[in-house]
C-alpha atoms as a PDB file:
ATOM      1  CA  MET A   1      -9.852   3.738  -3.927  1.00  0.00           C
ATOM      2  CA  PHE A   2      -6.848   3.054  -1.438  1.00  0.00           C
ATOM      3  CA  ILE A   3      -6.427   6.585  -0.835  1.00  0.00           C
ATOM      4  CA  LYS A   4     -10.507   6.898  -0.262  1.00  0.00           C
ATOM      5  CA  ASN A   5     -11.087   3.679   1.532  1.00  0.00           C
ATOM      6  CA  GLY A   6      -7.612   3.655   3.200  1.00  0.00           C
ATOM      7  CA  LEU A   7      -5.566   6.582   3.441  1.00  0.00           C
ATOM      8  CA  GLU A   8      -8.619   9.080   4.368  1.00  0.00           C
ATOM      9  CA  GLU A   9      -9.830   6.976   7.146  1.00  0.00           C
ATOM     10  CA  VAL A  10      -6.468   6.862   8.636  1.00  0.00           C
ATOM     11  CA  LYS A  11      -6.162  10.691   8.311  1.00  0.00           C
ATOM     12  CA  ALA A  12      -9.221  11.236   9.593  1.00  0.00           C
ATOM     13  CA  GLY A  13      -8.369   9.711  13.341  1.00  0.00           C
ATOM     14  CA  LYS A  14      -4.704  11.191  13.211  1.00  0.00           C
ATOM     15  CA  GLY A  15      -5.456  14.686  11.977  1.00  0.00           C
ATOM     16  CA  ASN A  16      -2.258  16.144  10.988  1.00  0.00           C
ATOM     17  CA  ALA A  17       0.081  13.559  12.600  1.00  0.00           C
ATOM     18  CA  PRO A  18       2.177  11.674  10.097  1.00  0.00           C
ATOM     19  CA  VAL A  19       1.096   8.564   8.348  1.00  0.00           C
ATOM     20  CA  SER A  20       3.141   5.143   7.835  1.00  0.00           C
ATOM     21  CA  ILE A  21       2.074   3.230   5.054  1.00  0.00           C
ATOM     22  CA  MET A  22       3.391   0.105   4.114  1.00  0.00           C
ATOM     23  CA  GLU A  23       2.301  -1.627   0.133  1.00  0.00           C
ATOM     24  CA  ILE A  24       2.278  -4.776  -0.607  1.00  0.00           C
ATOM     25  CA  GLY A  25       2.998  -5.334  -3.772  1.00  0.00           C
ATOM     26  CA  PHE A  26       4.827  -2.271  -4.681  1.00  0.00           C
ATOM     27  CA  GLY A  27       4.807  -3.189  -8.530  1.00  0.00           C
ATOM     28  CA  THR A  28       4.369  -0.497 -10.558  1.00  0.00           C
ATOM     29  CA  GLY A  29       4.647   2.329  -8.101  1.00  0.00           C
ATOM     30  CA  LEU A  30       1.410   3.441  -8.939  1.00  0.00           C
ATOM     31  CA  ASN A  31       0.058   3.348  -5.576  1.00  0.00           C
ATOM     32  CA  ALA A  32       3.124   5.146  -4.101  1.00  0.00           C
ATOM     33  CA  PHE A  33       3.105   7.789  -6.812  1.00  0.00           C
ATOM     34  CA  ILE A  34      -0.729   8.412  -5.786  1.00  0.00           C
ATOM     35  CA  THR A  35      -0.248   8.818  -2.308  1.00  0.00           C
ATOM     36  CA  LEU A  36       2.861  11.201  -2.779  1.00  0.00           C
ATOM     37  CA  MET A  37       0.429  13.506  -5.147  1.00  0.00           C
ATOM     38  CA  GLU A  38      -2.074  13.342  -1.981  1.00  0.00           C
ATOM     39  CA  ALA A  39       0.704  14.100   0.591  1.00  0.00           C
ATOM     40  CA  GLU A  40       1.755  17.177  -1.596  1.00  0.00           C
ATOM     41  CA  SER A  41      -1.961  18.497  -2.276  1.00  0.00           C
ATOM     42  CA  SER A  42      -2.926  17.842   1.401  1.00  0.00           C
ATOM     43  CA  GLY A  43       0.247  18.854   3.249  1.00  0.00           C
ATOM     44  CA  LEU A  44       0.442  15.783   4.934  1.00  0.00           C
ATOM     45  CA  HIS A  45       3.638  13.830   5.958  1.00  0.00           C
ATOM     46  CA  ILE A  46       4.175  10.032   5.045  1.00  0.00           C
ATOM     47  CA  GLU A  47       6.380   7.489   5.695  1.00  0.00           C
ATOM     48  CA  TYR A  48       6.121   4.905   2.706  1.00  0.00           C
ATOM     49  CA  THR A  49       7.604   1.426   2.585  1.00  0.00           C
ATOM     50  CA  GLY A  50       6.673  -0.570  -0.487  1.00  0.00           C
ATOM     51  CA  ILE A  51       7.521  -4.194  -0.416  1.00  0.00           C
ATOM     52  CA  GLU A  52       8.144  -5.978  -3.610  1.00  0.00           C
ATOM     53  CA  ALA A  53       9.958  -9.743  -4.264  1.00  0.00           C
ATOM     54  CA  TYR A  54       9.892  -8.861  -7.935  1.00  0.00           C
ATOM     55  CA  PRO A  55      10.136  -5.213  -9.007  1.00  0.00           C
ATOM     56  CA  ILE A  56       9.772  -4.253 -12.387  1.00  0.00           C
ATOM     57  CA  THR A  57      12.537  -3.764 -14.619  1.00  0.00           C
ATOM     58  CA  PRO A  58      13.004  -0.765 -16.248  1.00  0.00           C
ATOM     59  CA  GLU A  59      11.521  -2.252 -19.682  1.00  0.00           C
ATOM     60  CA  GLU A  60       8.433  -2.957 -17.904  1.00  0.00           C
ATOM     61  CA  LEU A  61       8.132   0.528 -16.698  1.00  0.00           C
ATOM     62  CA  LYS A  62       8.633   1.721 -20.385  1.00  0.00           C
ATOM     63  CA  GLU A  63       6.172  -0.683 -21.643  1.00  0.00           C
ATOM     64  CA  LEU A  64       3.963   0.582 -19.228  1.00  0.00           C
ATOM     65  CA  ASN A  65       4.064   4.291 -20.724  1.00  0.00           C
ATOM     66  CA  TYR A  66       2.048   5.683 -17.096  1.00  0.00           C
ATOM     67  CA  THR A  67       3.966   8.914 -17.432  1.00  0.00           C
ATOM     68  CA  ASP A  68       2.055  10.241 -20.704  1.00  0.00           C
ATOM     69  CA  THR A  69      -0.952  10.149 -18.966  1.00  0.00           C
ATOM     70  CA  PHE A  70      -0.481  12.582 -15.816  1.00  0.00           C
ATOM     71  CA  SER A  71      -1.262  16.076 -16.123  1.00  0.00           C
ATOM     72  CA  GLU A  72       0.154  17.180 -13.087  1.00  0.00           C
ATOM     73  CA  LYS A  73       3.637  19.409 -13.263  1.00  0.00           C
ATOM     74  CA  ASN A  74       6.857  17.200 -13.486  1.00  0.00           C
ATOM     75  CA  ALA A  75       4.972  14.031 -12.707  1.00  0.00           C
ATOM     76  CA  GLY A  76       6.322  11.987 -15.223  1.00  0.00           C
ATOM     77  CA  GLN A  77      10.005  12.783 -13.423  1.00  0.00           C
ATOM     78  CA  ILE A  78       8.718  12.238 -10.044  1.00  0.00           C
ATOM     79  CA  PHE A  79       6.940   8.704 -11.374  1.00  0.00           C
ATOM     80  CA  LYS A  80      10.446   7.703 -12.555  1.00  0.00           C
ATOM     81  CA  LEU A  81      12.115   8.755  -9.778  1.00  0.00           C
ATOM     82  CA  LEU A  82      10.212   6.132  -7.670  1.00  0.00           C
ATOM     83  CA  HIS A  83      11.835   3.457  -9.382  1.00  0.00           C
ATOM     84  CA  GLU A  84      15.209   4.790  -9.781  1.00  0.00           C
ATOM     85  CA  LEU A  85      15.628   5.410  -5.817  1.00  0.00           C
ATOM     86  CA  GLY A  86      17.813   2.501  -4.525  1.00  0.00           C
ATOM     87  CA  TRP A  87      15.958  -0.844  -2.266  1.00  0.00           C
ATOM     88  CA  GLU A  88      16.633  -0.882   1.140  1.00  0.00           C
ATOM     89  CA  ASP A  89      17.340   2.531   2.046  1.00  0.00           C
ATOM     90  CA  ARG A  90      14.942   5.522   3.254  1.00  0.00           C
ATOM     91  CA  HIS A  91      14.546   8.640   0.402  1.00  0.00           C
ATOM     92  CA  GLU A  92      13.401  12.137   0.958  1.00  0.00           C
ATOM     93  CA  VAL A  93      11.083  12.058  -2.117  1.00  0.00           C
ATOM     94  CA  THR A  94       9.810  15.346  -1.167  1.00  0.00           C
ATOM     95  CA  PRO A  95       9.717  17.245   2.046  1.00  0.00           C
ATOM     96  CA  LEU A  96       6.537  15.537   2.766  1.00  0.00           C
ATOM     97  CA  PHE A  97       7.042  12.057   1.348  1.00  0.00           C
ATOM     98  CA  TYR A  98       9.868   9.588   2.324  1.00  0.00           C
ATOM     99  CA  LEU A  99      10.149   6.216   0.500  1.00  0.00           C
ATOM    100  CA  ASN A 100      11.861   3.083   1.055  1.00  0.00           C
ATOM    101  CA  LYS A 101      11.556   0.143  -1.191  1.00  0.00           C
ATOM    102  CA  LYS A 102      12.055  -3.556   0.244  1.00  0.00           C
ATOM    103  CA  LYS A 103      13.037  -6.228  -1.911  1.00  0.00           C
ATOM    104  CA  GLN A 104      11.412  -8.790   0.140  1.00  0.00           C
ATOM    105  CA  PHE A 105       9.262 -12.307   0.506  1.00  0.00           C
ATOM    106  CA  PHE A 106       6.004 -10.849   2.531  1.00  0.00           C
ATOM    107  CA  HIS A 107       6.581 -13.776   4.887  1.00  0.00           C
ATOM    108  CA  GLU A 108       9.773 -12.377   5.447  1.00  0.00           C
ATOM    109  CA  ILE A 109       8.393  -9.058   6.959  1.00  0.00           C
ATOM    110  CA  THR A 110       9.388  -8.599  10.653  1.00  0.00           C
ATOM    111  CA  ALA A 111       7.757  -4.956  11.684  1.00  0.00           C
ATOM    112  CA  GLU A 112       5.772  -4.927  14.647  1.00  0.00           C
ATOM    113  CA  ASP A 113       3.410  -2.004  15.847  1.00  0.00           C
ATOM    114  CA  ALA A 114       4.888   0.176  12.955  1.00  0.00           C
ATOM    115  CA  PHE A 115       2.434   0.971   9.883  1.00  0.00           C
ATOM    116  CA  ASP A 116      -0.729   3.062  10.357  1.00  0.00           C
ATOM    117  CA  LEU A 117      -2.053   1.762   7.251  1.00  0.00           C
ATOM    118  CA  ILE A 118      -1.423  -1.278   5.067  1.00  0.00           C
ATOM    119  CA  TYR A 119      -2.188  -1.180   0.984  1.00  0.00           C
ATOM    120  CA  PHE A 120      -2.603  -5.353   0.500  1.00  0.00           C
ATOM    121  CA  ASP A 121      -2.222  -5.132  -3.304  1.00  0.00           C
ATOM    122  CA  ALA A 122      -1.260  -8.578  -4.091  1.00  0.00           C
ATOM    123  CA  PHE A 123      -2.068 -10.609  -7.067  1.00  0.00           C
ATOM    124  CA  GLY A 124      -5.172 -12.066  -6.285  1.00  0.00           C
ATOM    125  CA  ALA A 125      -6.043 -15.119  -4.087  1.00  0.00           C
ATOM    126  CA  ARG A 126      -6.976 -17.586  -7.283  1.00  0.00           C
ATOM    127  CA  VAL A 127      -3.467 -16.364  -8.948  1.00  0.00           C
ATOM    128  CA  GLN A 128      -1.157 -16.471  -5.746  1.00  0.00           C
ATOM    129  CA  PRO A 129      -2.788 -18.546  -2.890  1.00  0.00           C
ATOM    130  CA  GLU A 130      -0.212 -18.315  -0.620  1.00  0.00           C
ATOM    131  CA  LEU A 131       0.034 -14.281  -0.170  1.00  0.00           C
ATOM    132  CA  TRP A 132      -3.592 -14.796   1.173  1.00  0.00           C
ATOM    133  CA  THR A 133      -3.427 -17.068   4.233  1.00  0.00           C
ATOM    134  CA  GLU A 134      -3.293 -17.034   7.832  1.00  0.00           C
ATOM    135  CA  GLU A 135       0.434 -16.707   8.268  1.00  0.00           C
ATOM    136  CA  ILE A 136       0.686 -13.973   5.733  1.00  0.00           C
ATOM    137  CA  PHE A 137      -2.482 -11.881   7.255  1.00  0.00           C
ATOM    138  CA  GLY A 138      -1.191 -12.585  10.994  1.00  0.00           C
ATOM    139  CA  ILE A 139       2.125 -10.906  10.046  1.00  0.00           C
ATOM    140  CA  MET A 140      -0.062  -7.811   8.220  1.00  0.00           C
ATOM    141  CA  TYR A 141      -1.895  -7.584  11.836  1.00  0.00           C
ATOM    142  CA  ARG A 142       1.578  -7.645  13.532  1.00  0.00           C
ATOM    143  CA  SER A 143       2.937  -4.675  11.096  1.00  0.00           C
ATOM    144  CA  LEU A 144       0.011  -2.311  12.084  1.00  0.00           C
ATOM    145  CA  LYS A 145       0.087  -0.305  15.384  1.00  0.00           C
ATOM    146  CA  ARG A 146      -3.349  -0.178  17.064  1.00  0.00           C
ATOM    147  CA  GLU A 147      -6.191   1.037  15.159  1.00  0.00           C
ATOM    148  CA  GLY A 148      -4.133   0.507  12.098  1.00  0.00           C
ATOM    149  CA  VAL A 149      -5.903   0.090   9.115  1.00  0.00           C
ATOM    150  CA  LEU A 150      -5.685  -2.490   6.027  1.00  0.00           C
ATOM    151  CA  VAL A 151      -7.410  -2.146   2.411  1.00  0.00           C
ATOM    152  CA  THR A 152      -7.052  -4.700  -0.419  1.00  0.00           C
ATOM    153  CA  TYR A 153      -9.695  -5.060  -3.868  1.00  0.00           C
ATOM    154  CA  SER A 154     -10.163  -8.823  -2.561  1.00  0.00           C
ATOM    155  CA  ALA A 155     -13.539  -9.303  -1.421  1.00  0.00           C
ATOM    156  CA  LYS A 156     -13.612 -12.875  -1.396  1.00  0.00           C
ATOM    157  CA  GLY A 157     -15.325 -14.610   1.341  1.00  0.00           C
ATOM    158  CA  SER A 158     -12.263 -16.549   2.525  1.00  0.00           C
ATOM    159  CA  VAL A 159     -10.207 -14.170   2.806  1.00  0.00           C
ATOM    160  CA  ARG A 160     -12.168 -11.689   4.596  1.00  0.00           C
ATOM    161  CA  ARG A 161     -12.392 -14.685   7.331  1.00  0.00           C
ATOM    162  CA  VAL A 162      -8.950 -15.314   7.204  1.00  0.00           C
ATOM    163  CA  MET A 163      -8.644 -11.595   8.246  1.00  0.00           C
ATOM    164  CA  GLN A 164     -10.945 -12.320  11.263  1.00  0.00           C
ATOM    165  CA  THR A 165      -9.090 -15.270  12.224  1.00  0.00           C
ATOM    166  CA  VAL A 166      -6.046 -13.214  13.326  1.00  0.00           C
ATOM    167  CA  GLY A 167      -7.763 -10.296  14.574  1.00  0.00           C
ATOM    168  CA  PHE A 168      -9.201  -7.864  12.418  1.00  0.00           C
ATOM    169  CA  GLN A 169     -12.314  -6.207  12.388  1.00  0.00           C
ATOM    170  CA  VAL A 170     -13.385  -6.186   8.514  1.00  0.00           C
ATOM    171  CA  GLU A 171     -15.681  -4.425   6.433  1.00  0.00           C
ATOM    172  CA  ARG A 172     -16.778  -4.483   2.989  1.00  0.00           C
ATOM    173  CA  LEU A 173     -16.736  -1.576   0.828  1.00  0.00           C
ATOM    174  CA  GLU A 174     -17.528  -0.271  -2.371  1.00  0.00           C
ATOM    175  CA  GLY A 175     -15.104  -1.456  -5.067  1.00  0.00           C
ATOM    176  CA  PRO A 176     -13.241   0.487  -7.446  1.00  0.00           C
ATOM    177  CA  PRO A 177     -14.669   0.559 -11.233  1.00  0.00           C
ATOM    178  CA  GLY A 178     -14.879  -2.969 -12.377  1.00  0.00           C
ATOM    179  CA  LYS A 179     -14.800  -4.471  -8.652  1.00  0.00           C
ATOM    180  CA  ARG A 180     -18.458  -4.489  -6.645  1.00  0.00           C
ATOM    181  CA  GLU A 181     -16.903  -4.155  -3.257  1.00  0.00           C
ATOM    182  CA  MET A 182     -13.350  -4.127  -1.460  1.00  0.00           C
ATOM    183  CA  LEU A 183     -12.184  -5.100   2.044  1.00  0.00           C
ATOM    184  CA  ARG A 184     -11.121  -2.509   4.811  1.00  0.00           C
ATOM    185  CA  ALA A 185      -9.624  -4.302   8.133  1.00  0.00           C
ATOM    186  CA  ARG A 186      -8.780  -2.621  11.419  1.00  0.00           C
ATOM    187  CA  LYS A 187      -6.758  -4.045  14.008  1.00  0.00           C
ATOM    188  CA  ILE A 188      -8.284  -3.321  17.366  1.00  0.00           C
END
């Protein structure tokens, strides 16, 4: 749903211009992988930055066993590569997809007007309320370019109100399977 409600929305406004994405909560790398596959199929150039304070270990990655579920040629190797690439450096994964993984806390992000799109994929507000605050969404707002978009699977009213407080224009959208709604916020 990040592709449908985030990347496709941004792409519609930018045409074939490169898209810069920041993912909040790189985690398993699945969103980065799906975005890479979309870049390859659409011919869209993507600069992808994944933020993660606690990267998963190689053992945890093996336990996920994601690579067995991919049908695309070389998909398992590419997915594994996303995790093997070093942190804090920009890497060309394919000619259309560049990845920069940053090991940092979300409140340490200093980017300003840098991203077209943010995938906000942090653990839910019940589990980690400190990630769903006015401070964090203020950082997200500053990180986005004008007309930039933030998408999150959270649809809590308190999250929506905090986003609006920092300046986002927020809309509710149909959520992924198992979730009734999700939010899309735009920097105006």
